[in-house]
Amino acid sequence: QWQACEQLLADGLTMEDVFGKIAAMQASEVMRPFYDFSAWPMANSQAQADLTIGTSNEITQMHRDRKVMISDLLSSLVVKATGQLIFGEASKPSGPVLWLNHDIVARRLNASHAHSKSAAPLVA
């Protein structure tokens, strides 16, 4: 999936480039106050909105085709894994409730992609 995502980027760009943009945004002085979860709920700031929208636009520009985004591919994988979990639980429930968090969805994705010899785990 890493390679599939990278193929959606413009020539010469890598997933590391995308993660670098995200990391720079998250490390920004503008974002730091929003990581104080004890202060939540808190209103967004104009600076936060400008930084987030600007970073999103920059990442969009990094794609080969603005209509075929990494987020589209990843969303389709999450929907597929979630569907597999829901239907699996419907036929043989493991309990009254199953919380579909990031970890369980990632484990389902890894399990469904383990059948391919060339498939690397989606989550380490």
C-alpha atoms as a PDB file:
ATOM      1  CA  GLN A   1       0.000   0.000   0.000  1.00  0.00           C
ATOM      2  CA  TRP A   2       2.971   2.274   0.661  1.00  0.00           C
ATOM      3  CA  GLN A   3       4.010   1.892  -2.973  1.00  0.00           C
ATOM      4  CA  ALA A   4       0.430   2.359  -4.171  1.00  0.00           C
ATOM      5  CA  CYS A   5       0.258   5.627  -2.232  1.00  0.00           C
ATOM      6  CA  GLU A   6       3.626   6.783  -3.533  1.00  0.00           C
ATOM      7  CA  GLN A   7       2.518   6.140  -7.121  1.00  0.00           C
ATOM      8  CA  LEU A   8      -0.213   8.740  -6.616  1.00  0.00           C
ATOM      9  CA  LEU A   9       2.389  11.436  -5.915  1.00  0.00           C
ATOM     10  CA  ALA A  10       4.005  13.623  -8.549  1.00  0.00           C
ATOM     11  CA  ASP A  11       7.356  12.471  -9.935  1.00  0.00           C
ATOM     12  CA  GLY A  12      10.214  12.821  -7.479  1.00  0.00           C
ATOM     13  CA  LEU A  13       8.000  12.969  -4.370  1.00  0.00           C
ATOM     14  CA  THR A  14       7.795  10.298  -1.683  1.00  0.00           C
ATOM     15  CA  MET A  15       5.617   9.424   1.274  1.00  0.00           C
ATOM     16  CA  GLU A  16       8.414  10.793   3.452  1.00  0.00           C
ATOM     17  CA  ASP A  17       7.835  14.175   1.795  1.00  0.00           C
ATOM     18  CA  VAL A  18       4.144  14.015   2.705  1.00  0.00           C
ATOM     19  CA  PHE A  19       4.921  12.995   6.288  1.00  0.00           C
ATOM     20  CA  GLY A  20       7.467  15.802   6.502  1.00  0.00           C
ATOM     21  CA  LYS A  21       4.777  18.357   5.641  1.00  0.00           C
ATOM     22  CA  ILE A  22       2.451  16.889   8.256  1.00  0.00           C
ATOM     23  CA  ALA A  23       5.186  16.754  10.910  1.00  0.00           C
ATOM     24  CA  ALA A  24       6.139  20.376  10.252  1.00  0.00           C
ATOM     25  CA  MET A  25       2.528  21.448  10.656  1.00  0.00           C
ATOM     26  CA  GLN A  26       2.112  19.459  13.861  1.00  0.00           C
ATOM     27  CA  ALA A  27       5.354  20.845  15.327  1.00  0.00           C
ATOM     28  CA  SER A  28       4.373  24.430  14.532  1.00  0.00           C
ATOM     29  CA  GLU A  29       4.037  26.928  17.375  1.00  0.00           C
ATOM     30  CA  VAL A  30       0.532  27.587  16.045  1.00  0.00           C
ATOM     31  CA  MET A  31      -0.520  23.995  16.788  1.00  0.00           C
ATOM     32  CA  ARG A  32       1.110  23.498  20.198  1.00  0.00           C
ATOM     33  CA  PRO A  33      -1.680  25.064  22.288  1.00  0.00           C
ATOM     34  CA  PHE A  34      -4.156  22.609  20.757  1.00  0.00           C
ATOM     35  CA  TYR A  35      -2.243  19.624  22.184  1.00  0.00           C
ATOM     36  CA  ASP A  36      -3.207  20.622  25.725  1.00  0.00           C
ATOM     37  CA  PHE A  37      -6.194  18.307  25.898  1.00  0.00           C
ATOM     38  CA  SER A  38      -7.007  19.408  29.447  1.00  0.00           C
ATOM     39  CA  ALA A  39      -7.920  22.803  27.951  1.00  0.00           C
ATOM     40  CA  TRP A  40     -10.477  21.294  25.582  1.00  0.00           C
ATOM     41  CA  PRO A  41     -12.931  22.114  24.271  1.00  0.00           C
ATOM     42  CA  MET A  42     -11.262  25.109  22.721  1.00  0.00           C
ATOM     43  CA  ALA A  43     -12.127  27.203  19.722  1.00  0.00           C
ATOM     44  CA  ASN A  44     -10.065  27.005  16.561  1.00  0.00           C
ATOM     45  CA  SER A  45      -7.903  29.987  15.764  1.00  0.00           C
ATOM     46  CA  GLN A  46      -7.494  31.752  12.452  1.00  0.00           C
ATOM     47  CA  ALA A  47      -3.783  30.885  12.491  1.00  0.00           C
ATOM     48  CA  GLN A  48      -4.610  27.203  13.023  1.00  0.00           C
ATOM     49  CA  ALA A  49      -7.140  27.237  10.187  1.00  0.00           C
ATOM     50  CA  ASP A  50      -4.700  29.004   7.866  1.00  0.00           C
ATOM     51  CA  LEU A  51      -1.903  26.533   8.667  1.00  0.00           C
ATOM     52  CA  THR A  52      -4.117  23.461   8.346  1.00  0.00           C
ATOM     53  CA  ILE A  53      -5.761  24.574   5.103  1.00  0.00           C
ATOM     54  CA  GLY A  54      -2.414  25.692   3.674  1.00  0.00           C
ATOM     55  CA  THR A  55      -0.762  22.376   4.535  1.00  0.00           C
ATOM     56  CA  SER A  56      -3.703  20.461   3.065  1.00  0.00           C
ATOM     57  CA  ASN A  57      -3.432  22.465  -0.165  1.00  0.00           C
ATOM     58  CA  GLU A  58       0.327  21.826  -0.336  1.00  0.00           C
ATOM     59  CA  ILE A  59      -0.196  18.082   0.106  1.00  0.00           C
ATOM     60  CA  THR A  60      -2.924  18.112  -2.538  1.00  0.00           C
ATOM     61  CA  GLN A  61      -0.488  19.798  -4.941  1.00  0.00           C
ATOM     62  CA  MET A  62       2.005  16.983  -4.315  1.00  0.00           C
ATOM     63  CA  HIS A  63      -0.297  14.498  -6.052  1.00  0.00           C
ATOM     64  CA  ARG A  64      -0.021  13.458  -9.674  1.00  0.00           C
ATOM     65  CA  ASP A  65      -3.781  13.992 -10.136  1.00  0.00           C
ATOM     66  CA  ARG A  66      -5.783  16.113  -7.698  1.00  0.00           C
ATOM     67  CA  LYS A  67      -8.762  13.829  -8.295  1.00  0.00           C
ATOM     68  CA  VAL A  68      -6.877  10.690  -7.217  1.00  0.00           C
ATOM     69  CA  MET A  69      -5.564  11.261  -3.712  1.00  0.00           C
ATOM     70  CA  ILE A  70      -3.780   9.119  -1.135  1.00  0.00           C
ATOM     71  CA  SER A  71      -6.645   9.826   1.250  1.00  0.00           C
ATOM     72  CA  ASP A  72      -9.062   8.223  -1.251  1.00  0.00           C
ATOM     73  CA  LEU A  73      -7.024   5.019  -1.352  1.00  0.00           C
ATOM     74  CA  LEU A  74      -6.623   4.868   2.418  1.00  0.00           C
ATOM     75  CA  SER A  75     -10.310   5.605   2.997  1.00  0.00           C
ATOM     76  CA  SER A  76     -11.316   2.764   0.682  1.00  0.00           C
ATOM     77  CA  LEU A  77      -9.053   0.388   2.614  1.00  0.00           C
ATOM     78  CA  VAL A  78     -10.546   1.477   5.946  1.00  0.00           C
ATOM     79  CA  VAL A  79     -14.116   1.090   4.638  1.00  0.00           C
ATOM     80  CA  LYS A  80     -13.286  -2.393   3.328  1.00  0.00           C
ATOM     81  CA  ALA A  81     -11.702  -3.478   6.620  1.00  0.00           C
ATOM     82  CA  THR A  82     -14.564  -2.002   8.642  1.00  0.00           C
ATOM     83  CA  GLY A  83     -17.082  -3.845   6.491  1.00  0.00           C
ATOM     84  CA  GLN A  84     -15.198  -7.112   6.972  1.00  0.00           C
ATOM     85  CA  LEU A  85     -15.199  -6.565  10.736  1.00  0.00           C
ATOM     86  CA  ILE A  86     -18.909  -5.712  10.857  1.00  0.00           C
ATOM     87  CA  PHE A  87     -19.996  -8.654   8.725  1.00  0.00           C
ATOM     88  CA  GLY A  88     -17.648 -11.012  10.580  1.00  0.00           C
ATOM     89  CA  GLU A  89     -19.088  -9.939  13.904  1.00  0.00           C
ATOM     90  CA  ALA A  90     -22.660 -10.154  12.582  1.00  0.00           C
ATOM     91  CA  SER A  91     -22.198 -13.810  11.723  1.00  0.00           C
ATOM     92  CA  LYS A  92     -20.252 -14.751  14.867  1.00  0.00           C
ATOM     93  CA  PRO A  93     -20.218 -11.986  17.507  1.00  0.00           C
ATOM     94  CA  SER A  94     -17.305 -11.970  19.948  1.00  0.00           C
ATOM     95  CA  GLY A  95     -19.362  -9.917  22.409  1.00  0.00           C
ATOM     96  CA  PRO A  96     -22.218  -7.439  22.682  1.00  0.00           C
ATOM     97  CA  VAL A  97     -20.078  -4.554  21.378  1.00  0.00           C
ATOM     98  CA  LEU A  98     -16.966  -4.297  19.219  1.00  0.00           C
ATOM     99  CA  TRP A  99     -15.140  -0.979  19.317  1.00  0.00           C
ATOM    100  CA  LEU A 100     -13.677  -0.348  15.854  1.00  0.00           C
ATOM    101  CA  ASN A 101     -10.571   1.633  16.756  1.00  0.00           C
ATOM    102  CA  HIS A 102      -7.448   2.253  14.690  1.00  0.00           C
ATOM    103  CA  ASP A 103      -5.684  -0.832  16.024  1.00  0.00           C
ATOM    104  CA  ILE A 104      -8.408  -3.341  15.185  1.00  0.00           C
ATOM    105  CA  VAL A 105      -8.918  -1.840  11.713  1.00  0.00           C
ATOM    106  CA  ALA A 106      -5.146  -1.935  11.060  1.00  0.00           C
ATOM    107  CA  ARG A 107      -4.949  -5.575  12.205  1.00  0.00           C
ATOM    108  CA  ARG A 108      -7.832  -6.448   9.856  1.00  0.00           C
ATOM    109  CA  LEU A 109      -6.060  -4.677   6.969  1.00  0.00           C
ATOM    110  CA  ASN A 110      -2.831  -6.523   7.700  1.00  0.00           C
ATOM    111  CA  ALA A 111      -4.663  -9.847   7.846  1.00  0.00           C
ATOM    112  CA  SER A 112      -6.441  -9.245   4.546  1.00  0.00           C
ATOM    113  CA  HIS A 113      -3.215  -8.224   2.818  1.00  0.00           C
ATOM    114  CA  ALA A 114      -1.116 -11.056   4.286  1.00  0.00           C
ATOM    115  CA  HIS A 115      -2.415 -13.415   1.611  1.00  0.00           C
ATOM    116  CA  SER A 116      -0.207 -11.761  -1.003  1.00  0.00           C
ATOM    117  CA  LYS A 117       3.457 -12.819  -0.847  1.00  0.00           C
ATOM    118  CA  SER A 118       4.586  -9.333  -1.845  1.00  0.00           C
ATOM    119  CA  ALA A 119       2.312  -7.539   0.604  1.00  0.00           C
ATOM    120  CA  ALA A 120       4.116  -5.846   3.444  1.00  0.00           C
ATOM    121  CA  PRO A 121       2.217  -5.104   6.660  1.00  0.00           C
ATOM    122  CA  LEU A 122       0.280  -1.844   6.505  1.00  0.00           C
ATOM    123  CA  VAL A 123       1.094  -1.155  10.136  1.00  0.00           C
ATOM    124  CA  ALA A 124       4.320  -2.104  11.872  1.00  0.00           C
END
